C-alpha atoms as a PDB file:
ATOM      1  CA  MET A   1     107.323 102.005  91.722  1.00  0.00           C
ATOM      2  CA  ARG A   2     103.781 103.189  92.009  1.00  0.00           C
ATOM      3  CA  GLU A   3     102.590  99.642  91.993  1.00  0.00           C
ATOM      4  CA  MET A   4     105.375  98.159  94.453  1.00  0.00           C
ATOM      5  CA  ARG A   5     104.435 101.225  96.539  1.00  0.00           C
ATOM      6  CA  HIS A   6     100.166 100.304  96.750  1.00  0.00           C
ATOM      7  CA  VAL A   7     101.427  96.697  97.897  1.00  0.00           C
ATOM      8  CA  LEU A   8     103.929  97.130 100.386  1.00  0.00           C
ATOM      9  CA  ILE A   9     101.196  99.798 101.891  1.00  0.00           C
ATOM     10  CA  ASP A  10      98.552  97.301 101.215  1.00  0.00           C
ATOM     11  CA  THR A  11      99.193  93.659 101.697  1.00  0.00           C
ATOM     12  CA  PHE A  12     102.611  94.178 104.376  1.00  0.00           C
ATOM     13  CA  GLU A  13     101.199  97.341 106.288  1.00  0.00           C
ATOM     14  CA  VAL A  14     104.049  98.953 105.305  1.00  0.00           C
ATOM     15  CA  THR A  15     103.682 102.907 106.311  1.00  0.00           C
ATOM     16  CA  GLU A  16     103.921 105.109 103.117  1.00  0.00           C
ATOM     17  CA  GLN A  17     106.869 107.467 104.247  1.00  0.00           C
ATOM     18  CA  ASP A  18     109.327 104.593 104.855  1.00  0.00           C
ATOM     19  CA  ILE A  19     108.925 103.830 101.070  1.00  0.00           C
ATOM     20  CA  GLN A  20     112.344 104.983 100.054  1.00  0.00           C
ATOM     21  CA  PRO A  21     113.834 103.071  96.985  1.00  0.00           C
ATOM     22  CA  ASN A  22     117.193 103.024  99.449  1.00  0.00           C
ATOM     23  CA  ALA A  23     114.500 101.131 101.614  1.00  0.00           C
ATOM     24  CA  ASP A  24     115.887  98.051 102.704  1.00  0.00           C
ATOM     25  CA  LEU A  25     112.936  95.579 102.429  1.00  0.00           C
ATOM     26  CA  PHE A  26     114.250  93.477 105.275  1.00  0.00           C
ATOM     27  CA  ALA A  27     115.382  95.899 107.526  1.00  0.00           C
ATOM     28  CA  ASP A  28     114.061  99.295 106.896  1.00  0.00           C
ATOM     29  CA  LEU A  29     110.826  97.598 106.240  1.00  0.00           C
ATOM     30  CA  GLY A  30     110.043  94.144 108.254  1.00  0.00           C
ATOM     31  CA  LEU A  31     109.421  92.017 105.801  1.00  0.00           C
ATOM     32  CA  ASP A  32     110.546  88.488 106.081  1.00  0.00           C
ATOM     33  CA  SER A  33     111.683  85.341 103.864  1.00  0.00           C
ATOM     34  CA  ILE A  34     108.085  84.170 103.519  1.00  0.00           C
ATOM     35  CA  ASP A  35     106.809  88.521 103.060  1.00  0.00           C
ATOM     36  CA  ALA A  36     109.825  87.880 100.371  1.00  0.00           C
ATOM     37  CA  VAL A  37     108.400  84.763  98.483  1.00  0.00           C
ATOM     38  CA  ASP A  38     104.519  86.266  98.790  1.00  0.00           C
ATOM     39  CA  LEU A  39     105.565  89.639  96.904  1.00  0.00           C
ATOM     40  CA  VAL A  40     107.505  87.598  94.140  1.00  0.00           C
ATOM     41  CA  ILE A  41     104.219  85.564  94.062  1.00  0.00           C
ATOM     42  CA  LEU A  42     102.049  88.440  94.205  1.00  0.00           C
ATOM     43  CA  PHE A  43     103.670  89.934  91.611  1.00  0.00           C
ATOM     44  CA  GLY A  44     103.836  86.684  89.228  1.00  0.00           C
ATOM     45  CA  GLN A  45     100.142  87.189  89.243  1.00  0.00           C
ATOM     46  CA  LYS A  46     100.169  90.606  88.678  1.00  0.00           C
ATOM     47  CA  LEU A  47     102.466  90.270  85.866  1.00  0.00           C
ATOM     48  CA  GLY A  48     100.784  86.586  84.849  1.00  0.00           C
ATOM     49  CA  LYS A  49     104.289  85.597  84.145  1.00  0.00           C
ATOM     50  CA  GLN A  50     106.292  82.412  86.015  1.00  0.00           C
ATOM     51  CA  ILE A  51     108.649  84.235  88.223  1.00  0.00           C
ATOM     52  CA  ASP A  52     112.154  82.089  88.982  1.00  0.00           C
ATOM     53  CA  GLN A  53     111.961  82.726  93.327  1.00  0.00           C
ATOM     54  CA  ASP A  54     115.908  82.472  92.718  1.00  0.00           C
ATOM     55  CA  SER A  55     116.259  85.080  90.689  1.00  0.00           C
ATOM     56  CA  PHE A  56     114.912  87.194  93.734  1.00  0.00           C
ATOM     57  CA  LYS A  57     117.184  85.973  96.274  1.00  0.00           C
ATOM     58  CA  THR A  58     119.484  88.934  95.967  1.00  0.00           C
ATOM     59  CA  ILE A  59     117.353  91.569  95.863  1.00  0.00           C
ATOM     60  CA  ARG A  60     117.641  93.508  99.206  1.00  0.00           C
ATOM     61  CA  THR A  61     116.026  96.995  98.319  1.00  0.00           C
ATOM     62  CA  VAL A  62     112.312  98.546  96.959  1.00  0.00           C
ATOM     63  CA  GLN A  63     115.081  99.876  93.648  1.00  0.00           C
ATOM     64  CA  GLU A  64     116.397  96.713  92.996  1.00  0.00           C
ATOM     65  CA  ALA A  65     113.090  95.060  93.491  1.00  0.00           C
ATOM     66  CA  VAL A  66     111.429  97.631  90.892  1.00  0.00           C
ATOM     67  CA  GLU A  67     114.150  97.218  88.404  1.00  0.00           C
ATOM     68  CA  ALA A  68     113.725  93.490  88.220  1.00  0.00           C
ATOM     69  CA  LEU A  69     109.812  93.351  87.838  1.00  0.00           C
ATOM     70  CA  HIS A  70     110.584  96.630  85.252  1.00  0.00           C
ATOM     71  CA  ALA A  71     113.117  93.750  83.714  1.00  0.00           C
ATOM     72  CA  LEU A  72     110.766  90.934  83.692  1.00  0.00           C
ATOM     73  CA  VAL A  73     108.478  92.754  82.114  1.00  0.00           C
ATOM     74  CA  VAL A  74     110.917  94.591  79.202  1.00  0.00           C
ATOM     75  CA  ASP A  75     112.736  91.637  78.509  1.00  0.00           C
ATOM     76  CA  GLY A  76     109.524  88.716  79.214  1.00  0.00           C
END
């Protein structure tokens, strides 16, 4: 969650108080579809993994994104 918070603040200029686990990435935090792709690519680079962007199309909240990225790290 900490890394997600830093990326949202530094890259997408989201205010820290808006970043809550149940915050919707699009409706609450103002990301658009291009930002979502950028987020997936950025975390793929940070993790050193190729992330399938289609698997992230259903993710809407900060918590869902964190859980999906955690699963990639744990499950490979």
